[in-house]
Protein backbone atom coordinates (compact mmCIF):
# COMPACT_ATOMS: atom_id res chain seq x y z
CA MET A 1 8.03 -24.28 -1.40
CA ILE A 2 11.13 -24.20 -3.82
CA ARG A 3 14.34 -24.84 -2.73
CA ARG A 4 17.52 -23.31 -4.28
CA ALA A 5 20.27 -26.13 -4.80
CA VAL A 6 23.61 -24.65 -3.25
CA PRO A 7 26.90 -25.74 -5.04
CA LEU A 8 28.38 -28.55 -4.37
CA ALA A 9 31.90 -29.74 -3.64
CA ALA A 10 33.97 -30.57 -6.61
CA GLY A 11 34.60 -34.29 -5.42
CA LEU A 12 31.01 -34.95 -5.69
CA ALA A 13 30.93 -35.28 -9.23
CA ALA A 14 33.65 -38.46 -8.81
CA ALA A 15 30.23 -40.23 -7.81
CA ALA A 16 28.82 -39.65 -10.87
CA LEU A 17 29.22 -43.34 -12.48
CA VAL A 18 28.44 -45.23 -9.48
CA PHE A 19 25.63 -47.25 -9.14
CA SER A 20 23.36 -48.24 -6.28
CA ALA A 21 24.05 -51.22 -4.35
CA VAL A 22 21.82 -54.01 -3.23
CA VAL A 23 21.84 -56.07 0.05
CA ILE A 24 21.31 -59.66 -0.29
CA ALA A 25 20.00 -61.74 2.36
CA THR A 26 22.34 -64.48 3.68
CA ASP A 27 21.86 -67.84 5.52
CA GLY A 28 23.95 -68.89 8.32
CA ASP A 29 27.29 -69.35 6.44
CA GLY A 30 26.92 -66.58 4.48
CA ARG A 31 25.55 -67.73 1.33
CA ALA A 32 22.87 -66.28 -0.33
CA ALA A 33 19.41 -68.20 0.89
CA GLY A 34 18.49 -69.98 -1.94
CA ASP A 35 21.40 -69.91 -4.17
CA ARG A 36 21.64 -73.11 -6.81
CA GLY A 37 25.09 -73.84 -6.13
CA ALA A 38 27.57 -71.55 -4.58
CA LEU A 39 29.48 -70.67 -7.56
CA ALA A 40 27.08 -70.11 -9.85
CA GLY A 41 25.35 -67.85 -7.08
CA ALA A 42 28.66 -66.33 -6.41
CA ASP A 43 29.25 -65.44 -9.71
CA GLY A 44 25.65 -64.17 -10.14
CA ARG A 45 26.12 -61.63 -7.14
CA ALA A 46 29.03 -60.28 -8.72
CA VAL A 47 27.71 -59.81 -12.10
CA PHE A 48 24.46 -58.24 -10.41
CA ALA A 49 26.60 -55.67 -8.51
CA ARG A 50 28.91 -54.94 -11.54
CA MET A 51 26.46 -54.40 -14.10
CA GLY A 52 24.04 -51.90 -11.79
CA CYS A 53 21.22 -54.19 -11.24
CA GLY A 54 20.45 -52.86 -8.42
CA SER A 55 19.47 -50.09 -10.49
CA CYS A 56 17.83 -51.88 -13.05
CA HIS A 57 15.05 -53.43 -10.48
CA HIS A 58 14.75 -50.95 -8.28
CA LEU A 59 15.34 -52.62 -5.18
CA THR A 60 15.54 -51.28 -2.03
CA ALA A 61 17.13 -52.24 1.04
CA ALA A 62 14.21 -53.55 3.57
CA SER A 63 16.42 -53.36 6.72
CA ALA A 64 19.68 -53.06 8.10
CA ALA A 65 20.27 -56.52 7.81
CA GLY A 66 19.50 -56.53 3.98
CA ARG A 67 16.99 -58.16 2.11
CA ILE A 68 16.02 -58.67 -1.84
CA GLY A 69 12.82 -55.57 -2.32
CA PRO A 70 9.47 -56.83 -2.84
CA ASP A 71 10.26 -55.56 -7.06
CA LEU A 72 12.62 -58.32 -7.78
CA ASP A 73 10.05 -61.21 -6.88
CA VAL A 74 7.32 -59.52 -8.77
CA ASP A 75 9.07 -58.83 -11.83
CA LEU A 76 10.38 -62.24 -11.96
CA GLU A 77 7.29 -64.46 -11.27
CA ASP A 78 6.39 -62.91 -14.79
CA HIS A 79 10.00 -64.73 -16.25
CA THR A 80 11.19 -68.19 -17.62
CA ARG A 81 14.74 -68.50 -17.91
CA GLU A 82 14.24 -68.00 -22.09
CA SER A 83 12.36 -64.45 -21.37
CA LEU A 84 14.69 -63.14 -19.02
CA ILE A 85 17.55 -63.84 -21.53
CA ALA A 86 15.36 -62.42 -24.00
CA LYS A 87 14.99 -59.31 -21.96
CA ILE A 88 18.45 -59.00 -21.16
CA VAL A 89 20.07 -59.36 -24.46
CA ALA A 90 17.42 -56.86 -26.47
CA PRO A 91 15.64 -54.66 -24.06
CA GLY A 92 12.58 -53.16 -25.78
CA PRO A 93 12.54 -49.39 -26.09
CA ALA A 94 10.44 -48.62 -22.72
CA THR A 95 12.83 -50.70 -20.67
CA MET A 96 14.72 -47.75 -19.35
CA MET A 97 17.69 -50.43 -20.26
CA PRO A 98 21.05 -48.92 -22.22
CA GLY A 99 20.60 -51.55 -25.38
CA ASP A 100 24.12 -52.79 -24.94
CA PHE A 101 23.33 -54.09 -21.74
CA GLY A 102 23.36 -57.63 -22.37
CA ALA A 103 26.38 -56.92 -24.92
CA ARG A 104 28.72 -55.98 -21.70
CA MET A 105 28.68 -59.54 -20.12
CA SER A 106 30.13 -62.60 -21.65
CA ALA A 107 28.35 -65.77 -22.19
CA ALA A 108 28.85 -67.25 -18.95
CA GLU A 109 27.66 -63.90 -16.72
CA LEU A 110 24.67 -63.40 -18.77
CA ASP A 111 24.30 -67.35 -17.64
CA ALA A 112 25.29 -66.98 -13.79
CA LEU A 113 23.26 -63.53 -13.65
CA VAL A 114 19.95 -65.58 -14.99
CA GLU A 115 20.61 -68.33 -12.35
CA PHE A 116 20.61 -65.92 -9.74
CA LEU A 117 17.65 -64.02 -10.38
CA LEU A 118 15.96 -66.92 -10.91
CA ALA A 119 16.95 -68.12 -7.62
CA ALA A 120 16.04 -65.62 -5.96
CA ARG A 121 12.29 -65.74 -6.58
CA GLY A 122 10.54 -66.92 -3.64
CA ARG A 123 13.62 -66.03 -1.27
CA GLN A 124 13.22 -66.29 2.46
CA GLY A 125 13.03 -63.39 3.73
CA ALA A 126 11.89 -61.24 0.91
CA ARG A 127 8.80 -58.95 1.98
CA PRO A 128 5.23 -58.86 0.75
CA VAL A 129 4.16 -56.99 -2.10
CA GLU A 130 2.69 -53.59 -0.57
CA PRO A 131 0.19 -51.93 -2.81
CA ALA A 132 1.24 -48.25 -4.64
CA SER A 133 0.31 -45.21 -2.64
CA SER A 134 -1.46 -44.08 -6.17
CA PRO A 135 -3.13 -46.62 -8.10
CA ALA A 136 -1.16 -45.09 -11.10
CA VAL A 137 1.97 -45.55 -10.36
CA ALA A 138 4.36 -48.04 -8.81
CA ASN A 139 6.94 -45.14 -8.03
CA ARG A 140 9.73 -46.42 -10.17
CA PHE A 141 11.78 -43.70 -9.25
CA ASP A 142 12.59 -41.56 -6.36
CA ALA A 143 12.99 -38.10 -7.87
CA VAL A 144 12.26 -36.84 -11.74
CA VAL A 145 14.02 -34.11 -13.05
CA PHE A 146 13.10 -32.21 -16.20
CA ASP A 147 15.28 -29.82 -18.16
CA ASN A 148 13.68 -26.41 -18.97
CA ASP A 149 14.69 -24.76 -22.15
CA GLY A 150 12.54 -27.07 -25.13
CA LEU A 151 12.29 -30.08 -22.73
CA LEU A 152 9.70 -28.33 -20.69
CA LEU A 153 8.90 -25.08 -22.36
CA ASP A 154 9.37 -24.06 -26.29
CA THR A 155 12.15 -20.89 -24.92
CA GLU A 156 14.03 -22.17 -27.93
CA VAL A 157 11.54 -19.81 -29.95
CA ALA A 158 12.25 -16.86 -27.79
CA TRP A 159 16.01 -17.57 -27.74
CA THR A 160 15.45 -17.76 -31.94
CA ARG A 161 14.45 -14.26 -32.09
CA ALA A 162 17.01 -12.85 -29.65
CA GLU A 163 19.94 -14.83 -31.38
CA THR A 164 18.16 -13.58 -35.06
CA MET A 165 18.42 -9.81 -33.64
CA LEU A 166 22.11 -10.51 -32.71
CA PHE A 167 23.76 -11.70 -35.40
CA GLU A 168 21.64 -9.02 -37.52
CA ARG A 169 23.16 -6.44 -35.35
CA HIS A 170 26.69 -7.85 -35.94
CA GLY A 171 25.67 -7.92 -40.16
CA SER A 172 25.42 -11.68 -40.23
CA ALA A 173 21.88 -14.06 -40.82
CA PHE A 174 21.31 -16.42 -37.98
CA THR A 175 20.46 -19.94 -39.63
CA MET A 176 19.40 -23.19 -38.45
CA ASP A 177 22.66 -24.31 -38.36
CA HIS A 178 23.76 -22.16 -36.04
CA LYS A 179 21.02 -22.97 -33.83
CA ARG A 180 21.69 -26.73 -33.85
CA ALA A 181 25.58 -25.65 -32.74
CA LEU A 182 24.30 -23.49 -29.89
CA ILE A 183 21.45 -25.46 -28.71
CA GLY A 184 21.85 -27.05 -24.77
CA SER A 185 25.17 -25.17 -24.97
CA SER A 186 26.23 -23.39 -21.47
CA ARG A 187 27.06 -19.92 -21.18
CA SER A 188 31.03 -20.32 -21.73
CA GLN A 189 30.56 -22.54 -24.71
CA SER A 190 28.40 -20.12 -26.75
CA ALA A 191 30.57 -17.50 -26.33
CA LEU A 192 33.01 -18.97 -27.68
CA LYS A 193 30.52 -20.80 -30.62
CA LEU A 194 29.58 -16.84 -31.00
CA GLU A 195 32.84 -15.57 -31.35
CA ALA A 196 33.42 -17.98 -34.33
CA MET A 197 30.27 -17.51 -36.18
CA LEU A 198 30.38 -13.58 -36.12
CA GLY A 199 33.85 -13.47 -36.15
CA LEU A 200 34.58 -11.46 -33.25
CA PRO A 201 37.29 -13.01 -31.38
CA GLU A 202 37.78 -12.44 -27.22
CA GLU A 203 33.84 -10.97 -27.64
CA GLY A 204 32.39 -14.02 -26.33
CA GLU A 205 31.40 -12.60 -23.26
CA ARG A 206 29.80 -9.11 -24.44
CA LEU A 207 28.04 -10.87 -26.88
CA MET A 208 26.67 -13.25 -24.52
CA ASP A 209 25.47 -10.26 -21.90
CA GLU A 210 23.90 -8.58 -25.18
CA LEU A 211 22.36 -12.06 -26.07
CA HIS A 212 21.07 -12.13 -22.28
CA GLU A 213 19.23 -8.77 -22.65
CA LEU A 214 17.65 -9.59 -25.69
CA VAL A 215 16.12 -12.85 -24.33
CA MET A 216 14.73 -11.52 -21.25
CA ALA A 217 12.81 -8.95 -23.00
CA GLU A 218 11.93 -11.60 -25.81
CA ALA A 219 10.67 -14.01 -23.30
CA LEU A 220 7.89 -11.62 -21.58
CA ALA A 221 5.75 -12.03 -25.29
CA GLY A 222 5.35 -15.63 -23.65
CA VAL A 223 7.07 -18.98 -23.78
CA PRO A 224 4.65 -22.08 -24.46
CA PRO A 225 5.11 -25.36 -23.13
CA ARG A 226 6.03 -28.00 -25.07
CA PRO A 227 3.53 -30.63 -26.26
CA GLY A 228 2.56 -33.20 -23.24
CA ALA A 229 4.80 -31.16 -20.65
CA LEU A 230 2.01 -29.78 -18.40
CA GLU A 231 0.40 -33.25 -18.40
CA LEU A 232 3.33 -35.15 -17.30
CA LEU A 233 4.81 -32.80 -14.87
CA GLN A 234 0.90 -33.01 -13.47
CA ALA A 235 1.05 -36.75 -13.11
CA VAL A 236 4.62 -37.00 -11.91
CA ARG A 237 3.73 -34.62 -8.99
CA SER A 238 0.39 -36.47 -8.58
CA ALA A 239 2.31 -39.56 -8.11
CA GLY A 240 4.09 -38.40 -5.02
CA MET A 241 7.56 -38.14 -6.62
CA PRO A 242 9.75 -35.13 -5.96
CA VAL A 243 10.14 -33.36 -8.95
CA GLY A 244 13.13 -30.78 -9.85
CA LEU A 245 14.43 -28.66 -12.70
CA ALA A 246 18.00 -28.41 -13.86
CA SER A 247 18.38 -26.01 -16.74
CA ASN A 248 21.83 -24.62 -18.32
CA SER A 249 20.39 -21.21 -18.38
CA SER A 250 20.72 -18.19 -15.75
CA ARG A 251 18.65 -18.24 -12.59
CA GLU A 252 16.72 -14.51 -13.37
CA PHE A 253 16.35 -16.48 -17.18
CA VAL A 254 14.98 -19.37 -15.62
CA GLU A 255 12.73 -17.62 -13.15
CA ARG A 256 11.70 -15.35 -15.55
CA VAL A 257 10.23 -17.52 -18.30
CA LEU A 258 8.69 -20.33 -15.38
CA SER A 259 6.88 -16.80 -13.91
CA VAL A 260 5.30 -15.72 -17.56
CA ALA A 261 4.52 -19.82 -18.03
CA GLY A 262 2.76 -19.89 -14.39
CA LEU A 263 5.28 -22.41 -13.37
CA LEU A 264 7.30 -20.81 -11.10
CA ASN A 265 5.89 -21.55 -7.76
CA GLY A 266 4.43 -24.69 -6.33
CA HIS A 267 5.49 -27.15 -9.08
CA PHE A 268 9.00 -27.76 -8.53
CA ASP A 269 10.52 -28.88 -5.18
CA VAL A 270 14.01 -27.93 -6.64
CA ILE A 271 15.65 -25.43 -9.52
CA VAL A 272 19.21 -25.61 -10.15
CA THR A 273 20.81 -23.21 -13.00
CA ALA A 274 24.10 -22.58 -14.36
CA ASP A 275 24.26 -20.10 -11.68
CA ASP A 276 24.48 -22.88 -8.95
CA VAL A 277 27.43 -24.87 -10.15
CA ASP A 278 30.81 -24.71 -11.23
CA ARG A 279 30.52 -26.55 -14.44
CA PRO A 280 27.26 -26.68 -16.12
CA LYS A 281 26.30 -29.50 -18.86
CA PRO A 282 27.25 -31.56 -20.14
CA ALA A 283 29.41 -31.80 -16.84
CA PRO A 284 27.02 -33.91 -14.47
CA ASP A 285 26.86 -31.21 -11.68
CA LEU A 286 23.31 -29.65 -12.28
CA TYR A 287 22.10 -33.26 -11.91
CA LEU A 288 24.08 -34.27 -9.24
CA ALA A 289 22.92 -30.84 -7.50
CA ALA A 290 19.46 -31.67 -8.30
CA CYS A 291 19.51 -35.34 -7.33
CA ALA A 292 21.04 -34.22 -3.76
CA ALA A 293 18.79 -31.27 -3.27
CA LEU A 294 15.69 -33.89 -3.87
CA GLY A 295 17.00 -36.70 -1.73
CA ALA A 296 17.80 -38.82 -4.26
CA THR A 297 20.28 -40.93 -5.36
CA PRO A 298 21.04 -40.58 -9.19
CA ALA A 299 21.15 -44.20 -9.99
CA ARG A 300 17.13 -44.05 -8.65
CA ALA A 301 16.31 -40.61 -10.40
CA ALA A 302 15.10 -40.23 -14.14
CA ALA A 303 15.86 -37.04 -16.11
CA LEU A 304 14.18 -35.45 -18.95
CA GLU A 305 16.53 -33.76 -21.49
CA ASP A 306 16.12 -32.58 -25.08
CA SER A 307 19.80 -31.76 -26.36
CA PRO A 308 22.96 -33.72 -26.70
CA PRO A 309 24.87 -31.72 -23.61
CA GLY A 310 21.77 -32.40 -21.20
CA VAL A 311 21.67 -36.20 -21.90
CA ALA A 312 25.42 -36.38 -21.74
CA ALA A 313 25.46 -34.69 -18.21
CA ALA A 314 22.51 -36.74 -16.92
CA VAL A 315 23.99 -39.93 -18.11
CA ALA A 316 27.19 -38.43 -16.63
CA ALA A 317 25.26 -38.27 -13.58
CA GLY A 318 24.40 -41.83 -13.38
CA MET A 319 20.56 -41.40 -14.06
CA GLN A 320 18.27 -42.95 -16.10
CA VAL A 321 17.35 -40.25 -19.07
CA VAL A 322 14.40 -39.97 -21.37
CA ALA A 323 15.10 -37.84 -24.49
CA VAL A 324 12.83 -35.59 -26.22
CA PRO A 325 15.19 -34.10 -29.07
CA TYR A 326 14.20 -30.28 -29.57
CA PHE A 327 14.76 -31.25 -33.30
CA PRO A 328 13.27 -34.82 -34.29
CA ASP A 329 16.64 -35.57 -36.84
CA MET A 330 19.46 -34.66 -33.97
CA PRO A 331 20.83 -37.69 -33.23
CA ILE A 332 21.45 -38.13 -29.31
CA LYS A 333 23.28 -40.81 -27.94
CA GLY A 334 22.95 -42.40 -24.60
CA ALA A 335 19.34 -41.87 -23.60
CA SER A 336 17.55 -44.95 -22.21
CA LEU A 337 14.83 -43.97 -24.17
CA SER A 338 14.16 -41.48 -27.12
CA ALA A 339 10.70 -40.16 -28.00
CA GLY A 340 9.03 -37.72 -30.38
CA SER A 341 7.71 -35.81 -27.42
CA LEU A 342 6.32 -35.75 -23.84
CA ASP A 343 3.30 -37.08 -24.74
CA ASP A 344 4.42 -40.27 -26.37
CA PRO A 345 3.00 -42.58 -24.04
CA ARG A 346 6.31 -44.90 -23.64
CA VAL A 347 7.73 -42.12 -21.50
CA ALA A 348 4.91 -42.29 -19.31
CA GLU A 349 5.22 -45.83 -19.06
CA ALA A 350 8.94 -45.35 -18.37
CA LEU A 351 8.44 -43.47 -15.59
CA GLY A 352 6.02 -45.59 -14.33
CA LEU A 353 3.16 -43.51 -14.87
CA VAL A 354 0.79 -45.88 -16.22
CA PRO A 355 -2.12 -47.86 -14.29
CA GLY A 356 -0.58 -51.12 -13.39
CA ALA A 357 2.63 -50.46 -14.64
CA ARG A 358 5.95 -52.46 -13.32
CA ALA A 359 9.30 -51.61 -13.65
CA ARG A 360 10.24 -53.54 -16.77
CA HIS A 361 13.93 -54.15 -16.28
CA PRO A 362 14.95 -57.29 -16.32
């Protein structure tokens, strides 16, 4: 059953950039067991916490006392000091790490972090590795949230037809420059842009109402899925991860296009639209609401987006972001991974949807 997210309190947005914390097992004197020197260990723990490495490793608290989750020991078994430094300084395209991760640390901080991570291998009290519930996934994330327009479904085709008709009605020609400026925009942003584009000041809300009527009719002509979208959606669901949808469009439009595409029922655990939050994308509210409804902390969730406002919203929410630009040549900053389509193998790998795959964070 699909749950509708309720509006969040405004204060929730303040949590947008907070990373998840990891509690480390300690011995009797309060120091982390197995640390190679109190000073280096303490510095390493501080860097570990400040850099949000709990999110990078997808560690979990094993008990109230706190222990390192199994992922860390497993991943570190494959590393020497040199290879770990290389992975932090120059993360690969499928690591889901920011490209400047290593640059955010001083040389001393990097050294302390590496010492801390290597010392953590085989730490007494770390839980044994448990097999994944599905042989196809190591459950890298607690939830995955899809954007709709242009990412899951090619509703942009319907939007373009509607926008073209709107411009013709008002004596103008709709161009791809207009399209690029409007894609991913919220209703309020689009209203202001349309006023400027059509030379109709103070008419933005009326123009948006007119555009809404046009696109609702155009949606009935069909909204095909984007390449790889249905397969990826099915793979995420088969892996047992909660799945949400967060759209800058109205609920009426979202439910129509999902219904036309046969995806309205049984495919998403929660659907959040612009009607459900005070601030749509690029504010983080939509993604924060989706994560809250799915019971996932943002740092343990992934977002799939196709536009700069959408990526900005997910990044502000503290999520890992895979960008699949609707326009291949459209630059989108801030994503952990950029791909040409959802059927790019790197997308599935980044989400952990590869047989035998393990988290590729340092």
